[in-house]
Amino acid sequence: MPCGCLLLAVAGSLVPRVTIVFLWVFTDRVSDAFNGFILPLLGLIFLPFTTLVYVVSYWVGDGTITWGWVFVLIAVFVDIGNYTAGGYGRGRKVTVA
């Protein structure tokens, strides 16, 4: 069902935390990817893109394969970029003359 995958990709890129919660509540994908609930809960709070990409790569690749880990590593950099971009943006001052 390509339409569902496209919808998941769009929703995941816009609101990853909401997408993870929906996947966790309405499917077994998060439970299949993780053993327990502490690690996905921490991922939901601190690294949402990484957690979402890990769940999707585990689901698509039937366990994470090499390309799945590459995408997870890219998602880690996206999460780190989200945290550091806010501080960088606040550091700039715009003066109007």
N, C-alpha and C. Protein backbone atom coordinates (compact mmCIF):
# COMPACT_ATOMS: atom_id res chain seq x y z
N MET A 1 0.83 -1.16 0.00
CA MET A 1 0.00 0.00 0.00
C MET A 1 0.88 1.23 0.00
N PRO A 2 1.27 1.74 -1.17
CA PRO A 2 2.18 2.87 -1.26
C PRO A 2 1.61 4.15 -0.70
N CYS A 3 0.32 4.33 -0.75
CA CYS A 3 -0.28 5.56 -0.25
C CYS A 3 -0.09 5.66 1.26
N GLY A 4 -0.20 4.56 1.97
CA GLY A 4 0.00 4.55 3.41
C GLY A 4 1.43 4.85 3.79
N CYS A 5 2.38 4.33 3.00
CA CYS A 5 3.79 4.61 3.26
C CYS A 5 4.11 6.07 3.01
N LEU A 6 3.53 6.65 1.99
CA LEU A 6 3.74 8.07 1.71
C LEU A 6 3.15 8.93 2.82
N LEU A 7 1.98 8.56 3.29
CA LEU A 7 1.37 9.30 4.38
C LEU A 7 2.21 9.20 5.64
N LEU A 8 2.76 8.03 5.92
CA LEU A 8 3.64 7.86 7.08
C LEU A 8 4.90 8.70 6.94
N ALA A 9 5.46 8.77 5.74
CA ALA A 9 6.67 9.57 5.52
C ALA A 9 6.40 11.06 5.71
N VAL A 10 5.30 11.54 5.19
CA VAL A 10 4.96 12.96 5.33
C VAL A 10 4.67 13.29 6.79
N ALA A 11 3.89 12.47 7.46
CA ALA A 11 3.56 12.71 8.86
C ALA A 11 4.80 12.61 9.73
N GLY A 12 5.67 11.67 9.43
CA GLY A 12 6.89 11.51 10.21
C GLY A 12 7.83 12.67 10.08
N SER A 13 7.88 13.27 8.90
CA SER A 13 8.78 14.40 8.72
C SER A 13 8.23 15.66 9.37
N LEU A 14 6.92 15.78 9.46
CA LEU A 14 6.33 16.97 10.06
C LEU A 14 6.22 16.87 11.58
N VAL A 15 5.72 15.79 12.06
CA VAL A 15 5.49 15.62 13.49
C VAL A 15 5.91 14.22 13.92
N PRO A 16 7.20 13.99 14.14
CA PRO A 16 7.65 12.63 14.44
C PRO A 16 7.12 12.08 15.76
N ARG A 17 6.96 12.92 16.76
CA ARG A 17 6.47 12.43 18.04
C ARG A 17 5.04 11.91 17.94
N VAL A 18 4.20 12.64 17.23
CA VAL A 18 2.81 12.21 17.06
C VAL A 18 2.77 10.92 16.24
N THR A 19 3.61 10.83 15.22
CA THR A 19 3.65 9.63 14.39
C THR A 19 4.08 8.42 15.21
N ILE A 20 5.08 8.58 16.07
CA ILE A 20 5.52 7.47 16.92
C ILE A 20 4.40 7.04 17.86
N VAL A 21 3.71 8.00 18.45
CA VAL A 21 2.61 7.65 19.36
C VAL A 21 1.51 6.90 18.61
N PHE A 22 1.16 7.36 17.40
CA PHE A 22 0.15 6.65 16.62
C PHE A 22 0.62 5.24 16.26
N LEU A 23 1.88 5.09 15.86
CA LEU A 23 2.40 3.76 15.56
C LEU A 23 2.40 2.87 16.80
N TRP A 24 2.70 3.46 17.94
CA TRP A 24 2.78 2.70 19.18
C TRP A 24 1.39 2.25 19.64
N VAL A 25 0.40 3.12 19.48
CA VAL A 25 -0.95 2.82 19.96
C VAL A 25 -1.71 1.90 18.99
N PHE A 26 -1.61 2.19 17.69
CA PHE A 26 -2.46 1.51 16.73
C PHE A 26 -1.81 0.32 16.01
N THR A 27 -0.49 0.15 16.14
CA THR A 27 0.18 -0.99 15.50
C THR A 27 1.12 -1.64 16.50
N ASP A 28 1.73 -2.73 16.09
CA ASP A 28 2.73 -3.41 16.92
C ASP A 28 4.15 -3.11 16.44
N ARG A 29 4.34 -2.13 15.60
CA ARG A 29 5.66 -1.86 15.00
C ARG A 29 6.69 -1.46 16.05
N VAL A 30 6.31 -0.59 16.98
CA VAL A 30 7.26 -0.14 18.00
C VAL A 30 7.59 -1.28 18.95
N SER A 31 6.62 -2.07 19.31
CA SER A 31 6.86 -3.21 20.20
C SER A 31 7.73 -4.26 19.54
N ASP A 32 7.59 -4.42 18.21
CA ASP A 32 8.43 -5.37 17.49
C ASP A 32 9.88 -4.89 17.42
N ALA A 33 10.08 -3.59 17.28
CA ALA A 33 11.43 -3.05 17.11
C ALA A 33 12.18 -2.98 18.44
N PHE A 34 11.48 -2.75 19.53
CA PHE A 34 12.13 -2.59 20.84
C PHE A 34 11.63 -3.66 21.80
N ASN A 35 12.47 -4.03 22.74
CA ASN A 35 12.08 -4.94 23.82
C ASN A 35 11.80 -4.11 25.06
N GLY A 36 10.56 -3.84 25.33
CA GLY A 36 10.20 -3.01 26.47
C GLY A 36 9.67 -1.66 26.04
N PHE A 37 9.47 -0.79 27.04
CA PHE A 37 8.90 0.51 26.70
C PHE A 37 9.79 1.68 27.13
N ILE A 38 10.85 1.43 27.89
CA ILE A 38 11.70 2.52 28.37
C ILE A 38 12.48 3.16 27.22
N LEU A 39 13.14 2.35 26.40
CA LEU A 39 13.96 2.89 25.31
C LEU A 39 13.13 3.64 24.27
N PRO A 40 11.97 3.12 23.82
CA PRO A 40 11.19 3.94 22.89
C PRO A 40 10.61 5.21 23.54
N LEU A 41 10.33 5.15 24.84
CA LEU A 41 9.84 6.34 25.53
C LEU A 41 10.93 7.41 25.59
N LEU A 42 12.15 7.00 25.91
CA LEU A 42 13.27 7.95 25.90
C LEU A 42 13.53 8.48 24.50
N GLY A 43 13.42 7.61 23.50
CA GLY A 43 13.57 8.04 22.12
C GLY A 43 12.48 9.01 21.71
N LEU A 44 11.28 8.78 22.18
CA LEU A 44 10.15 9.68 21.89
C LEU A 44 10.42 11.07 22.46
N ILE A 45 11.03 11.12 23.63
CA ILE A 45 11.27 12.41 24.28
C ILE A 45 12.50 13.11 23.70
N PHE A 46 13.62 12.38 23.56
CA PHE A 46 14.89 13.03 23.23
C PHE A 46 15.30 12.92 21.76
N LEU A 47 15.06 11.80 21.10
CA LEU A 47 15.49 11.59 19.71
C LEU A 47 14.33 11.07 18.86
N PRO A 48 13.36 11.91 18.56
CA PRO A 48 12.17 11.41 17.86
C PRO A 48 12.44 10.94 16.43
N PHE A 49 13.26 11.68 15.67
CA PHE A 49 13.53 11.26 14.29
C PHE A 49 14.29 9.93 14.28
N THR A 50 15.25 9.79 15.17
CA THR A 50 16.03 8.56 15.23
C THR A 50 15.15 7.37 15.60
N THR A 51 14.28 7.55 16.56
CA THR A 51 13.38 6.48 16.97
C THR A 51 12.43 6.09 15.85
N LEU A 52 11.88 7.09 15.17
CA LEU A 52 10.96 6.81 14.07
C LEU A 52 11.66 6.09 12.92
N VAL A 53 12.85 6.54 12.57
CA VAL A 53 13.59 5.90 11.48
C VAL A 53 14.00 4.49 11.87
N TYR A 54 14.37 4.27 13.13
CA TYR A 54 14.71 2.92 13.57
C TYR A 54 13.51 1.98 13.47
N VAL A 55 12.35 2.45 13.90
CA VAL A 55 11.14 1.62 13.83
C VAL A 55 10.79 1.31 12.38
N VAL A 56 10.85 2.31 11.51
CA VAL A 56 10.51 2.09 10.10
C VAL A 56 11.54 1.19 9.43
N SER A 57 12.83 1.39 9.72
CA SER A 57 13.85 0.52 9.10
C SER A 57 13.76 -0.90 9.62
N TYR A 58 13.39 -1.07 10.87
CA TYR A 58 13.19 -2.42 11.42
C TYR A 58 12.00 -3.08 10.75
N TRP A 59 10.95 -2.30 10.51
CA TRP A 59 9.73 -2.81 9.89
C TRP A 59 9.97 -3.15 8.42
N VAL A 60 10.61 -2.27 7.68
CA VAL A 60 10.82 -2.47 6.24
C VAL A 60 11.87 -3.54 5.99
N GLY A 61 12.97 -3.49 6.73
CA GLY A 61 14.08 -4.40 6.48
C GLY A 61 14.00 -5.70 7.24
N ASP A 62 12.91 -5.95 7.97
CA ASP A 62 12.76 -7.15 8.78
C ASP A 62 13.96 -7.29 9.71
N GLY A 63 14.18 -6.28 10.51
CA GLY A 63 15.38 -6.14 11.31
C GLY A 63 16.27 -5.15 10.58
N THR A 64 17.06 -4.41 11.30
CA THR A 64 17.85 -3.38 10.64
C THR A 64 19.00 -4.01 9.87
N ILE A 65 19.11 -3.61 8.61
CA ILE A 65 20.20 -4.05 7.76
C ILE A 65 21.14 -2.86 7.57
N THR A 66 22.13 -2.99 6.73
CA THR A 66 23.14 -1.96 6.58
C THR A 66 22.54 -0.61 6.21
N TRP A 67 21.67 -0.58 5.21
CA TRP A 67 21.07 0.70 4.81
C TRP A 67 20.17 1.25 5.90
N GLY A 68 19.56 0.39 6.67
CA GLY A 68 18.74 0.85 7.79
C GLY A 68 19.59 1.59 8.81
N TRP A 69 20.78 1.06 9.11
CA TRP A 69 21.67 1.73 10.05
C TRP A 69 22.21 3.04 9.50
N VAL A 70 22.40 3.11 8.19
CA VAL A 70 22.83 4.37 7.57
C VAL A 70 21.76 5.44 7.77
N PHE A 71 20.50 5.07 7.55
CA PHE A 71 19.41 6.03 7.74
C PHE A 71 19.24 6.40 9.21
N VAL A 72 19.46 5.46 10.12
CA VAL A 72 19.39 5.76 11.55
C VAL A 72 20.49 6.76 11.92
N LEU A 73 21.68 6.58 11.38
CA LEU A 73 22.78 7.51 11.66
C LEU A 73 22.46 8.91 11.11
N ILE A 74 21.88 8.98 9.94
CA ILE A 74 21.46 10.28 9.39
C ILE A 74 20.40 10.91 10.29
N ALA A 75 19.49 10.11 10.81
CA ALA A 75 18.45 10.63 11.70
C ALA A 75 19.04 11.15 13.01
N VAL A 76 20.11 10.51 13.50
CA VAL A 76 20.79 11.02 14.69
C VAL A 76 21.33 12.42 14.42
N PHE A 77 21.93 12.62 13.25
CA PHE A 77 22.44 13.94 12.90
C PHE A 77 21.30 14.96 12.74
N VAL A 78 20.16 14.52 12.23
CA VAL A 78 19.01 15.43 12.12
C VAL A 78 18.52 15.84 13.51
N ASP A 79 18.46 14.89 14.44
CA ASP A 79 18.04 15.22 15.81
C ASP A 79 19.03 16.17 16.47
N ILE A 80 20.31 15.89 16.32
CA ILE A 80 21.32 16.78 16.89
C ILE A 80 21.23 18.16 16.25
N GLY A 81 21.00 18.20 14.95
CA GLY A 81 20.85 19.47 14.26
C GLY A 81 19.64 20.26 14.76
N ASN A 82 18.57 19.56 15.09
CA ASN A 82 17.39 20.24 15.62
C ASN A 82 17.68 20.88 16.97
N TYR A 83 18.46 20.21 17.80
CA TYR A 83 18.79 20.77 19.10
C TYR A 83 19.78 21.93 18.99
N THR A 84 20.75 21.83 18.11
CA THR A 84 21.77 22.87 18.03
C THR A 84 21.33 24.05 17.18
N ALA A 85 20.41 23.88 16.25
CA ALA A 85 19.97 24.98 15.39
C ALA A 85 19.23 26.05 16.18
N GLY A 86 18.53 25.65 17.21
CA GLY A 86 17.81 26.65 18.01
C GLY A 86 18.76 27.58 18.73
N GLY A 87 19.84 27.06 19.28
CA GLY A 87 20.82 27.90 19.95
C GLY A 87 21.56 28.80 18.97
N TYR A 88 21.83 28.28 17.81
CA TYR A 88 22.51 29.08 16.79
C TYR A 88 21.62 30.22 16.31
N GLY A 89 20.35 29.95 16.13
CA GLY A 89 19.43 30.98 15.68
C GLY A 89 19.20 32.06 16.72
N ARG A 90 19.23 31.70 17.99
CA ARG A 90 19.05 32.71 19.04
C ARG A 90 20.29 33.57 19.20
N GLY A 91 21.44 33.07 18.78
CA GLY A 91 22.68 33.81 18.93
C GLY A 91 22.82 34.98 17.97
N ARG A 92 22.13 34.93 16.86
CA ARG A 92 22.20 36.02 15.88
C ARG A 92 21.28 37.14 16.28
N LYS A 93 21.76 38.35 16.11
CA LYS A 93 20.93 39.51 16.41
C LYS A 93 20.71 40.28 15.12
N VAL A 94 19.49 40.65 14.89
CA VAL A 94 19.14 41.43 13.72
C VAL A 94 18.84 42.84 14.18
N THR A 95 19.57 43.80 13.65
CA THR A 95 19.34 45.19 14.03
C THR A 95 18.72 45.91 12.83
N VAL A 96 17.77 46.72 13.14
CA VAL A 96 17.11 47.51 12.10
C VAL A 96 17.53 48.95 12.31
N ALA A 97 18.08 49.54 11.25
CA ALA A 97 18.55 50.94 11.37
C ALA A 97 17.53 51.91 10.86
